[in-house]
Amino acid sequence: MTPSRQESPHALVNAMTAVFEHRKQAFEDDLNFLVDVKSEKVEATTIDPEDELRNLKERFEFWRKDFRTRLRDTKGTLRRLRTTDTHRMKMTLGWWGKKA
């Protein structure tokens, strides 16, 4: 994400929160389905729960690493936005803190 005038810190954080909540719900749903298959509450003859659990763990690890990278990028973007705002404020105020 590159900073632009339309992006606000709240919008960036809200977007990351939405992504996190969506993926969290997807992983929980997949895990609950595997638990139901394993406990034979749901009949799925073509699914091997152990293989599916292994695949789910791999997907989760990949997602976790990707999300960590995206969080780091978002944090950098927020830092750049804050620096830009601080610089803009210093340009409108003189060194004495009054409007120039």
N, C-alpha and C. Protein backbone atom coordinates (compact mmCIF):
# COMPACT_ATOMS: atom_id res chain seq x y z
N MET A 1 0.83 -1.17 0.00
CA MET A 1 0.00 0.00 0.00
C MET A 1 0.87 1.24 0.00
N THR A 2 0.59 2.14 -0.91
CA THR A 2 1.32 3.39 -0.93
C THR A 2 0.41 4.49 -0.41
N PRO A 3 0.97 5.44 0.31
CA PRO A 3 0.12 6.48 0.87
C PRO A 3 -0.46 7.36 -0.22
N SER A 4 -1.69 7.72 -0.08
CA SER A 4 -2.33 8.66 -0.98
C SER A 4 -3.18 9.58 -0.13
N ARG A 5 -3.67 10.60 -0.73
CA ARG A 5 -4.45 11.59 0.03
C ARG A 5 -5.80 11.02 0.47
N GLN A 6 -6.31 10.01 -0.22
CA GLN A 6 -7.60 9.45 0.13
C GLN A 6 -7.52 8.47 1.30
N GLU A 7 -6.35 7.91 1.54
CA GLU A 7 -6.22 6.92 2.60
C GLU A 7 -6.12 7.61 3.95
N SER A 8 -6.90 7.12 4.87
CA SER A 8 -6.78 7.61 6.23
C SER A 8 -6.26 6.47 7.09
N PRO A 9 -5.64 6.78 8.21
CA PRO A 9 -5.17 5.70 9.09
C PRO A 9 -6.31 4.77 9.51
N HIS A 10 -7.48 5.33 9.75
CA HIS A 10 -8.61 4.50 10.17
C HIS A 10 -9.03 3.54 9.06
N ALA A 11 -9.00 4.01 7.81
CA ALA A 11 -9.40 3.16 6.69
C ALA A 11 -8.42 2.00 6.53
N LEU A 12 -7.13 2.29 6.69
CA LEU A 12 -6.13 1.23 6.57
C LEU A 12 -6.30 0.17 7.66
N VAL A 13 -6.50 0.63 8.88
CA VAL A 13 -6.68 -0.31 10.00
C VAL A 13 -7.98 -1.09 9.84
N ASN A 14 -9.04 -0.43 9.42
CA ASN A 14 -10.32 -1.11 9.22
C ASN A 14 -10.22 -2.17 8.12
N ALA A 15 -9.47 -1.88 7.07
CA ALA A 15 -9.31 -2.85 5.98
C ALA A 15 -8.56 -4.09 6.48
N MET A 16 -7.50 -3.88 7.26
CA MET A 16 -6.75 -5.02 7.79
C MET A 16 -7.60 -5.81 8.78
N THR A 17 -8.41 -5.13 9.58
CA THR A 17 -9.29 -5.82 10.52
C THR A 17 -10.31 -6.66 9.78
N ALA A 18 -10.87 -6.13 8.71
CA ALA A 18 -11.85 -6.87 7.92
C ALA A 18 -11.23 -8.12 7.31
N VAL A 19 -10.02 -8.00 6.77
CA VAL A 19 -9.33 -9.15 6.20
C VAL A 19 -9.09 -10.21 7.27
N PHE A 20 -8.62 -9.75 8.43
CA PHE A 20 -8.35 -10.68 9.53
C PHE A 20 -9.62 -11.41 9.96
N GLU A 21 -10.70 -10.67 10.17
CA GLU A 21 -11.95 -11.30 10.62
C GLU A 21 -12.50 -12.28 9.59
N HIS A 22 -12.39 -11.93 8.31
CA HIS A 22 -12.88 -12.82 7.26
C HIS A 22 -12.10 -14.13 7.24
N ARG A 23 -10.78 -14.04 7.27
CA ARG A 23 -9.96 -15.25 7.24
C ARG A 23 -10.11 -16.06 8.51
N LYS A 24 -10.25 -15.38 9.64
CA LYS A 24 -10.46 -16.07 10.92
C LYS A 24 -11.73 -16.91 10.86
N GLN A 25 -12.79 -16.32 10.34
CA GLN A 25 -14.06 -17.04 10.23
C GLN A 25 -13.93 -18.22 9.26
N ALA A 26 -13.23 -18.04 8.16
CA ALA A 26 -13.05 -19.12 7.19
C ALA A 26 -12.28 -20.29 7.81
N PHE A 27 -11.20 -19.99 8.54
CA PHE A 27 -10.43 -21.06 9.18
C PHE A 27 -11.25 -21.76 10.26
N GLU A 28 -12.02 -21.01 11.03
CA GLU A 28 -12.87 -21.62 12.05
C GLU A 28 -13.91 -22.53 11.43
N ASP A 29 -14.53 -22.09 10.33
CA ASP A 29 -15.53 -22.91 9.64
C ASP A 29 -14.91 -24.20 9.11
N ASP A 30 -13.73 -24.08 8.48
CA ASP A 30 -13.05 -25.26 7.96
C ASP A 30 -12.69 -26.23 9.08
N LEU A 31 -12.20 -25.69 10.18
CA LEU A 31 -11.82 -26.53 11.30
C LEU A 31 -13.04 -27.21 11.92
N ASN A 32 -14.12 -26.49 12.09
CA ASN A 32 -15.35 -27.09 12.64
C ASN A 32 -15.88 -28.19 11.74
N PHE A 33 -15.79 -28.00 10.42
CA PHE A 33 -16.22 -29.03 9.49
C PHE A 33 -15.36 -30.29 9.65
N LEU A 34 -14.05 -30.09 9.77
CA LEU A 34 -13.17 -31.25 9.95
C LEU A 34 -13.45 -31.98 11.26
N VAL A 35 -13.75 -31.24 12.30
CA VAL A 35 -14.10 -31.87 13.58
C VAL A 35 -15.38 -32.68 13.42
N ASP A 36 -16.36 -32.13 12.72
CA ASP A 36 -17.62 -32.87 12.50
C ASP A 36 -17.40 -34.13 11.67
N VAL A 37 -16.53 -34.04 10.66
CA VAL A 37 -16.23 -35.23 9.84
C VAL A 37 -15.52 -36.27 10.69
N LYS A 38 -14.56 -35.85 11.50
CA LYS A 38 -13.80 -36.77 12.33
C LYS A 38 -14.70 -37.44 13.37
N SER A 39 -15.63 -36.69 13.94
CA SER A 39 -16.53 -37.27 14.95
C SER A 39 -17.75 -37.95 14.31
N GLU A 40 -17.76 -38.00 12.98
CA GLU A 40 -18.80 -38.68 12.19
C GLU A 40 -20.17 -38.04 12.34
N LYS A 41 -20.21 -36.75 12.67
CA LYS A 41 -21.49 -36.03 12.68
C LYS A 41 -21.91 -35.70 11.26
N VAL A 42 -20.92 -35.57 10.39
CA VAL A 42 -21.16 -35.30 8.98
C VAL A 42 -20.52 -36.43 8.20
N GLU A 43 -21.26 -36.95 7.22
CA GLU A 43 -20.72 -38.05 6.43
C GLU A 43 -20.01 -37.49 5.20
N ALA A 44 -18.73 -37.76 5.12
CA ALA A 44 -17.93 -37.34 3.98
C ALA A 44 -16.94 -38.46 3.69
N THR A 45 -17.33 -39.36 2.80
CA THR A 45 -16.52 -40.55 2.54
C THR A 45 -15.28 -40.24 1.72
N THR A 46 -15.28 -39.14 0.98
CA THR A 46 -14.13 -38.84 0.13
C THR A 46 -13.09 -37.96 0.82
N ILE A 47 -13.36 -37.57 2.06
CA ILE A 47 -12.45 -36.67 2.77
C ILE A 47 -11.69 -37.44 3.84
N ASP A 48 -10.38 -37.29 3.82
CA ASP A 48 -9.55 -37.84 4.88
C ASP A 48 -9.26 -36.69 5.85
N PRO A 49 -9.84 -36.71 7.05
CA PRO A 49 -9.70 -35.58 7.98
C PRO A 49 -8.25 -35.24 8.32
N GLU A 50 -7.39 -36.25 8.43
CA GLU A 50 -5.99 -35.97 8.75
C GLU A 50 -5.29 -35.21 7.62
N ASP A 51 -5.53 -35.62 6.39
CA ASP A 51 -4.95 -34.91 5.25
C ASP A 51 -5.50 -33.49 5.15
N GLU A 52 -6.78 -33.35 5.34
CA GLU A 52 -7.40 -32.03 5.27
C GLU A 52 -6.89 -31.12 6.39
N LEU A 53 -6.68 -31.67 7.57
CA LEU A 53 -6.14 -30.89 8.68
C LEU A 53 -4.71 -30.44 8.37
N ARG A 54 -3.94 -31.32 7.78
CA ARG A 54 -2.58 -30.98 7.38
C ARG A 54 -2.60 -29.85 6.35
N ASN A 55 -3.51 -29.95 5.37
CA ASN A 55 -3.64 -28.90 4.36
C ASN A 55 -4.09 -27.58 5.00
N LEU A 56 -5.01 -27.67 5.95
CA LEU A 56 -5.49 -26.46 6.64
C LEU A 56 -4.35 -25.81 7.42
N LYS A 57 -3.52 -26.60 8.07
CA LYS A 57 -2.37 -26.05 8.79
C LYS A 57 -1.41 -25.35 7.84
N GLU A 58 -1.16 -25.94 6.68
CA GLU A 58 -0.27 -25.32 5.69
C GLU A 58 -0.85 -24.01 5.18
N ARG A 59 -2.16 -24.01 4.89
CA ARG A 59 -2.80 -22.77 4.43
C ARG A 59 -2.74 -21.70 5.50
N PHE A 60 -2.95 -22.12 6.76
CA PHE A 60 -2.90 -21.16 7.86
C PHE A 60 -1.50 -20.55 8.00
N GLU A 61 -0.47 -21.38 7.94
CA GLU A 61 0.90 -20.88 8.06
C GLU A 61 1.23 -19.90 6.92
N PHE A 62 0.82 -20.25 5.70
CA PHE A 62 1.05 -19.35 4.58
C PHE A 62 0.33 -18.03 4.79
N TRP A 63 -0.95 -18.11 5.20
CA TRP A 63 -1.74 -16.90 5.43
C TRP A 63 -1.12 -16.07 6.55
N ARG A 64 -0.67 -16.70 7.62
CA ARG A 64 -0.10 -15.99 8.76
C ARG A 64 1.14 -15.20 8.34
N LYS A 65 2.01 -15.82 7.54
CA LYS A 65 3.21 -15.13 7.07
C LYS A 65 2.84 -13.97 6.14
N ASP A 66 1.88 -14.21 5.25
CA ASP A 66 1.43 -13.16 4.34
C ASP A 66 0.80 -12.00 5.12
N PHE A 67 -0.01 -12.31 6.12
CA PHE A 67 -0.67 -11.27 6.90
C PHE A 67 0.35 -10.48 7.71
N ARG A 68 1.37 -11.15 8.23
CA ARG A 68 2.42 -10.46 8.97
C ARG A 68 3.12 -9.45 8.06
N THR A 69 3.39 -9.85 6.82
CA THR A 69 4.02 -8.94 5.86
C THR A 69 3.11 -7.76 5.56
N ARG A 70 1.83 -8.04 5.37
CA ARG A 70 0.88 -6.96 5.09
C ARG A 70 0.75 -6.02 6.27
N LEU A 71 0.79 -6.56 7.50
CA LEU A 71 0.75 -5.70 8.69
C LEU A 71 1.98 -4.79 8.74
N ARG A 72 3.14 -5.35 8.43
CA ARG A 72 4.37 -4.57 8.43
C ARG A 72 4.28 -3.46 7.38
N ASP A 73 3.76 -3.77 6.19
CA ASP A 73 3.60 -2.77 5.14
C ASP A 73 2.62 -1.68 5.57
N THR A 74 1.53 -2.09 6.20
CA THR A 74 0.53 -1.13 6.65
C THR A 74 1.10 -0.23 7.74
N LYS A 75 1.88 -0.81 8.63
CA LYS A 75 2.52 -0.02 9.68
C LYS A 75 3.45 1.02 9.05
N GLY A 76 4.21 0.64 8.04
CA GLY A 76 5.07 1.59 7.34
C GLY A 76 4.28 2.68 6.66
N THR A 77 3.16 2.31 6.04
CA THR A 77 2.30 3.30 5.40
C THR A 77 1.76 4.28 6.42
N LEU A 78 1.31 3.76 7.57
CA LEU A 78 0.82 4.65 8.62
C LEU A 78 1.92 5.59 9.10
N ARG A 79 3.11 5.07 9.24
CA ARG A 79 4.24 5.91 9.66
C ARG A 79 4.51 7.00 8.63
N ARG A 80 4.46 6.64 7.33
CA ARG A 80 4.68 7.64 6.28
C ARG A 80 3.57 8.69 6.27
N LEU A 81 2.33 8.26 6.47
CA LEU A 81 1.22 9.21 6.53
C LEU A 81 1.40 10.17 7.70
N ARG A 82 1.79 9.64 8.84
CA ARG A 82 2.00 10.48 10.02
C ARG A 82 3.13 11.47 9.77
N THR A 83 4.22 11.01 9.15
CA THR A 83 5.35 11.88 8.85
C THR A 83 4.94 12.97 7.86
N THR A 84 4.16 12.60 6.85
CA THR A 84 3.69 13.57 5.86
C THR A 84 2.81 14.61 6.54
N ASP A 85 1.91 14.19 7.41
CA ASP A 85 1.04 15.13 8.12
C ASP A 85 1.86 16.04 9.02
N THR A 86 2.85 15.51 9.70
CA THR A 86 3.71 16.31 10.57
C THR A 86 4.48 17.34 9.74
N HIS A 87 5.00 16.91 8.60
CA HIS A 87 5.75 17.81 7.72
C HIS A 87 4.83 18.92 7.20
N ARG A 88 3.63 18.56 6.81
CA ARG A 88 2.67 19.53 6.29
C ARG A 88 2.34 20.56 7.38
N MET A 89 2.19 20.10 8.62
CA MET A 89 1.88 21.01 9.72
C MET A 89 3.06 21.95 9.97
N LYS A 90 4.29 21.44 9.91
CA LYS A 90 5.46 22.27 10.13
C LYS A 90 5.59 23.32 9.03
N MET A 91 5.15 22.98 7.81
CA MET A 91 5.23 23.93 6.72
C MET A 91 4.24 25.08 6.91
N THR A 92 3.08 24.82 7.52
CA THR A 92 2.10 25.87 7.72
C THR A 92 2.38 26.68 8.96
N LEU A 93 3.14 26.13 9.91
CA LEU A 93 3.52 26.84 11.12
C LEU A 93 4.98 27.24 11.02
N GLY A 94 5.29 28.40 11.49
CA GLY A 94 6.69 28.81 11.52
C GLY A 94 7.41 28.07 12.63
N TRP A 95 8.69 28.30 12.75
CA TRP A 95 9.47 27.61 13.77
C TRP A 95 9.01 27.99 15.18
N TRP A 96 8.27 29.10 15.30
CA TRP A 96 7.80 29.56 16.59
C TRP A 96 6.43 28.99 16.94
N GLY A 97 5.86 28.21 16.02
CA GLY A 97 4.61 27.50 16.29
C GLY A 97 3.36 28.29 15.95
N LYS A 98 3.52 29.45 15.33
CA LYS A 98 2.36 30.24 14.91
C LYS A 98 2.25 30.14 13.41
N LYS A 99 1.04 30.38 12.90
CA LYS A 99 0.85 30.30 11.46
C LYS A 99 1.70 31.34 10.76
N ALA A 100 2.35 30.91 9.70
CA ALA A 100 3.25 31.81 8.97
C ALA A 100 2.49 32.74 8.06
